[in-house]
Amino acid sequence: MRAMFWDGLLGPAREAAASLLRSTMPRMSAPPVSLSVICDHLDIEVYAQPCDAFGALLAEVRGRRILMVNTAIPLVRARFSIAHELGHALLGHRSALERPSLSDERQERQADLFAAELLMPLAMVAAEAGAGPEALARRYRVSRQAMTLRLRSISALVKAERPDPVPALSHGGTFCPSA
């Protein structure tokens, strides 16, 4: 049941990120994914300054979409926060200023999934997975923790899509290679 809940979130997040990357990738040399190219493509004005309240916040003000970014946090965290906020917008979630509570777990998780899909595209990261989480985190400008989680999810996805071609044969609960 829990897997179906997350699957229902992942599909739209993956599709939205892939669509955005298809339309913006020709304008960037990635990795890393250029969030400035993406914001320009989406006609979002970006303002950066230090604050204590949030990592990034996307709001519509008088018909203009404005993204406010906290410069007091590490760059890798700011990039994930920006991608997370873009996820809210592209997945049709209500603006942070319109939400009665920022604690809607489903929308927050889906925005996180979108951010991971956007900043660490599946095919690109999978092709380089042997480089390890530290090197990939630097290359994609994400935290080591985010890259480690991404590599685990990719590994799980690959295992789910490619079952073991030669299942172990057993006899009485013990491995029996001659069977």
Foldseek 3Di string as FASTA:
>chain_A
DVVVLVVVLQVVLLVLLVVLCVVQVVVDDDDQDDVVSSCVVVQEAEAEEADDPDQKFWDADPNHIYIYGHPVDDQQSSLLRSQLNVQCVSVVHDGPVPDPDPPPVSSSVSSNSNSLCNLPPLVVCVVVVVVALVVVCVRSVHDSVSSVVSSVVSVVVVCVVDPDPDDFDDDPPDGDVVD
